[in-house]
């Protein structure tokens, strides 16, 4: 597996206008993101697990192993 070259950072207001999707890991993050989301922003804010067709990424469920592959454009 190649080394990870990206870095995490705090979300910025401009992200809500730049990105189509902003995904978070839990309901607390979802609530906070929706609270700071600017009116009229284009980003769809949702839980990462809501895009998992196999239901492996559910809050409170800790799978031993899962394969997460996202294509970002």
N, C-alpha and C. Protein backbone atom coordinates (compact mmCIF):
# COMPACT_ATOMS: atom_id res chain seq x y z
N UNK A 1 0.84 -1.17 0.00
CA UNK A 1 0.00 0.00 0.00
C UNK A 1 0.89 1.24 0.00
N UNK A 2 0.61 2.22 -0.88
CA UNK A 2 1.46 3.42 -0.94
C UNK A 2 1.27 4.28 0.31
N UNK A 3 2.29 5.06 0.66
CA UNK A 3 2.17 5.92 1.84
C UNK A 3 1.10 6.99 1.61
N UNK A 4 0.43 7.37 2.67
CA UNK A 4 -0.60 8.41 2.61
C UNK A 4 0.07 9.76 2.54
N UNK A 5 -0.32 10.58 1.58
CA UNK A 5 0.31 11.88 1.41
C UNK A 5 -0.63 13.04 1.74
N UNK A 6 -1.91 12.76 2.00
CA UNK A 6 -2.84 13.83 2.33
C UNK A 6 -2.88 14.06 3.84
N UNK A 7 -3.40 15.21 4.23
CA UNK A 7 -3.46 15.55 5.65
C UNK A 7 -4.88 15.99 6.00
N UNK A 8 -5.28 15.69 7.21
CA UNK A 8 -6.57 16.15 7.71
C UNK A 8 -6.45 17.61 8.13
N UNK A 9 -7.57 18.30 8.07
CA UNK A 9 -7.63 19.69 8.52
C UNK A 9 -9.05 20.00 8.96
N UNK A 10 -9.20 21.08 9.66
CA UNK A 10 -10.54 21.49 10.06
C UNK A 10 -11.28 22.04 8.85
N UNK A 11 -12.58 21.84 8.85
CA UNK A 11 -13.39 22.33 7.75
C UNK A 11 -13.44 23.85 7.77
N UNK A 12 -13.52 24.43 6.58
CA UNK A 12 -13.59 25.88 6.44
C UNK A 12 -14.92 26.23 5.78
N UNK A 13 -15.40 27.42 6.01
CA UNK A 13 -16.67 27.83 5.42
C UNK A 13 -16.66 27.68 3.90
N UNK A 14 -15.53 27.98 3.28
CA UNK A 14 -15.43 27.88 1.81
C UNK A 14 -15.61 26.44 1.32
N UNK A 15 -15.34 25.44 2.18
CA UNK A 15 -15.51 24.04 1.78
C UNK A 15 -16.96 23.74 1.41
N UNK A 16 -17.90 24.38 2.06
CA UNK A 16 -19.31 24.15 1.78
C UNK A 16 -19.70 24.67 0.40
N UNK A 17 -18.91 25.57 -0.15
CA UNK A 17 -19.16 26.11 -1.49
C UNK A 17 -18.29 25.42 -2.54
N UNK A 18 -17.18 24.84 -2.11
CA UNK A 18 -16.23 24.21 -3.03
C UNK A 18 -16.58 22.76 -3.34
N UNK A 19 -16.97 22.00 -2.33
CA UNK A 19 -17.18 20.56 -2.48
C UNK A 19 -18.65 20.21 -2.63
N UNK A 20 -18.91 19.15 -3.39
CA UNK A 20 -20.28 18.66 -3.56
C UNK A 20 -20.74 17.87 -2.36
N UNK A 21 -19.83 17.15 -1.72
CA UNK A 21 -20.15 16.31 -0.57
C UNK A 21 -19.15 16.57 0.55
N UNK A 22 -19.67 16.63 1.78
CA UNK A 22 -18.85 16.66 2.97
C UNK A 22 -19.37 15.53 3.84
N UNK A 23 -18.51 14.55 4.08
CA UNK A 23 -18.91 13.35 4.82
C UNK A 23 -18.26 13.33 6.19
N UNK A 24 -19.03 12.89 7.17
CA UNK A 24 -18.51 12.82 8.54
C UNK A 24 -18.76 11.43 9.11
N UNK A 25 -18.14 11.17 10.26
CA UNK A 25 -18.16 9.82 10.82
C UNK A 25 -19.27 9.56 11.83
N UNK A 26 -19.80 10.61 12.47
CA UNK A 26 -20.83 10.34 13.49
C UNK A 26 -21.87 11.45 13.53
N UNK A 27 -22.94 11.19 14.27
CA UNK A 27 -24.07 12.12 14.31
C UNK A 27 -23.71 13.45 14.98
N UNK A 28 -22.77 13.41 15.89
CA UNK A 28 -22.33 14.63 16.55
C UNK A 28 -21.64 15.55 15.53
N UNK A 29 -20.77 14.98 14.70
CA UNK A 29 -20.12 15.76 13.64
C UNK A 29 -21.14 16.26 12.63
N UNK A 30 -22.11 15.43 12.30
CA UNK A 30 -23.15 15.81 11.35
C UNK A 30 -23.94 17.02 11.88
N UNK A 31 -24.31 16.97 13.13
CA UNK A 31 -25.04 18.07 13.75
C UNK A 31 -24.19 19.35 13.72
N UNK A 32 -22.90 19.25 14.07
CA UNK A 32 -22.03 20.42 14.07
C UNK A 32 -21.84 20.99 12.67
N UNK A 33 -21.66 20.12 11.69
CA UNK A 33 -21.48 20.60 10.32
C UNK A 33 -22.73 21.30 9.80
N UNK A 34 -23.89 20.74 10.09
CA UNK A 34 -25.13 21.38 9.64
C UNK A 34 -25.36 22.71 10.36
N UNK A 35 -24.86 22.82 11.58
CA UNK A 35 -25.00 24.07 12.33
C UNK A 35 -24.15 25.19 11.72
N UNK A 36 -22.96 24.86 11.23
CA UNK A 36 -22.07 25.90 10.68
C UNK A 36 -22.19 26.04 9.17
N UNK A 37 -23.00 25.20 8.55
CA UNK A 37 -23.16 25.24 7.09
C UNK A 37 -23.83 26.55 6.66
N UNK A 38 -23.17 27.31 5.76
CA UNK A 38 -23.74 28.58 5.32
C UNK A 38 -25.00 28.37 4.46
N UNK A 39 -25.93 29.27 4.59
CA UNK A 39 -27.14 29.22 3.76
C UNK A 39 -26.75 29.34 2.29
N UNK A 40 -27.37 28.54 1.46
CA UNK A 40 -27.10 28.58 0.03
C UNK A 40 -25.88 27.81 -0.43
N UNK A 41 -25.22 27.10 0.48
CA UNK A 41 -24.03 26.34 0.07
C UNK A 41 -24.46 25.10 -0.71
N UNK A 42 -23.56 24.63 -1.58
CA UNK A 42 -23.93 23.52 -2.46
C UNK A 42 -23.61 22.14 -1.88
N UNK A 43 -22.80 22.07 -0.86
CA UNK A 43 -22.35 20.78 -0.32
C UNK A 43 -23.50 20.00 0.31
N UNK A 44 -23.55 18.72 0.01
CA UNK A 44 -24.46 17.78 0.66
C UNK A 44 -23.70 17.22 1.84
N UNK A 45 -24.21 17.42 3.05
CA UNK A 45 -23.54 16.97 4.27
C UNK A 45 -24.25 15.72 4.77
N UNK A 46 -23.49 14.64 4.97
CA UNK A 46 -24.10 13.38 5.40
C UNK A 46 -23.07 12.51 6.11
N UNK A 47 -23.56 11.42 6.69
CA UNK A 47 -22.69 10.44 7.33
C UNK A 47 -22.02 9.58 6.27
N UNK A 48 -20.75 9.29 6.43
CA UNK A 48 -20.03 8.41 5.52
C UNK A 48 -20.75 7.07 5.40
N UNK A 49 -21.22 6.55 6.51
CA UNK A 49 -21.90 5.26 6.52
C UNK A 49 -23.16 5.20 5.69
N UNK A 50 -23.77 6.34 5.40
CA UNK A 50 -25.00 6.32 4.60
C UNK A 50 -24.73 5.95 3.14
N UNK A 51 -23.47 5.94 2.72
CA UNK A 51 -23.10 5.58 1.36
C UNK A 51 -22.57 4.15 1.25
N UNK A 52 -22.61 3.41 2.34
CA UNK A 52 -22.10 2.05 2.37
C UNK A 52 -23.23 1.06 2.09
N UNK A 53 -23.26 0.46 0.90
CA UNK A 53 -24.35 -0.46 0.56
C UNK A 53 -24.37 -1.74 1.40
N UNK A 54 -23.25 -2.08 2.03
CA UNK A 54 -23.19 -3.30 2.84
C UNK A 54 -23.44 -3.03 4.32
N UNK A 55 -23.63 -1.77 4.70
CA UNK A 55 -23.93 -1.44 6.08
C UNK A 55 -22.81 -1.69 7.05
N UNK A 56 -21.57 -1.69 6.58
CA UNK A 56 -20.42 -1.95 7.44
C UNK A 56 -20.02 -0.73 8.28
N UNK A 57 -20.33 0.46 7.78
CA UNK A 57 -19.89 1.69 8.45
C UNK A 57 -21.05 2.31 9.24
N UNK A 58 -21.54 1.60 10.21
CA UNK A 58 -22.65 2.07 11.02
C UNK A 58 -22.11 2.56 12.35
N UNK A 59 -22.64 3.66 12.83
CA UNK A 59 -22.21 4.22 14.11
C UNK A 59 -22.37 3.17 15.21
N UNK A 60 -21.33 3.00 16.00
CA UNK A 60 -21.37 2.05 17.10
C UNK A 60 -20.94 0.65 16.70
N UNK A 61 -20.82 0.38 15.40
CA UNK A 61 -20.38 -0.93 14.93
C UNK A 61 -18.91 -0.81 14.53
N UNK A 62 -18.08 -1.64 15.08
CA UNK A 62 -16.65 -1.58 14.80
C UNK A 62 -16.22 -2.84 14.06
N UNK A 63 -16.28 -2.82 12.74
CA UNK A 63 -15.86 -4.00 12.00
C UNK A 63 -14.36 -4.24 12.17
N UNK A 64 -13.97 -5.50 12.15
CA UNK A 64 -12.55 -5.83 12.27
C UNK A 64 -11.78 -5.29 11.07
N UNK A 65 -12.43 -5.34 9.92
CA UNK A 65 -11.76 -4.88 8.71
C UNK A 65 -12.81 -4.49 7.70
N UNK A 66 -12.59 -3.40 7.00
CA UNK A 66 -13.45 -3.04 5.89
C UNK A 66 -12.62 -2.33 4.84
N UNK A 67 -13.07 -2.41 3.62
CA UNK A 67 -12.37 -1.80 2.51
C UNK A 67 -13.11 -0.55 2.10
N UNK A 68 -12.51 0.61 2.28
CA UNK A 68 -13.13 1.87 1.94
C UNK A 68 -12.40 2.47 0.75
N UNK A 69 -13.12 2.69 -0.30
CA UNK A 69 -12.51 3.26 -1.49
C UNK A 69 -13.41 4.36 -1.99
N UNK A 70 -12.90 5.59 -1.99
CA UNK A 70 -13.67 6.75 -2.46
C UNK A 70 -12.99 7.34 -3.67
N UNK A 71 -13.79 7.72 -4.66
CA UNK A 71 -13.28 8.44 -5.81
C UNK A 71 -13.68 9.89 -5.66
N UNK A 72 -12.73 10.76 -5.55
CA UNK A 72 -13.01 12.18 -5.40
C UNK A 72 -12.64 12.89 -6.68
N UNK A 73 -13.54 13.72 -7.13
CA UNK A 73 -13.29 14.49 -8.37
C UNK A 73 -13.22 15.95 -8.07
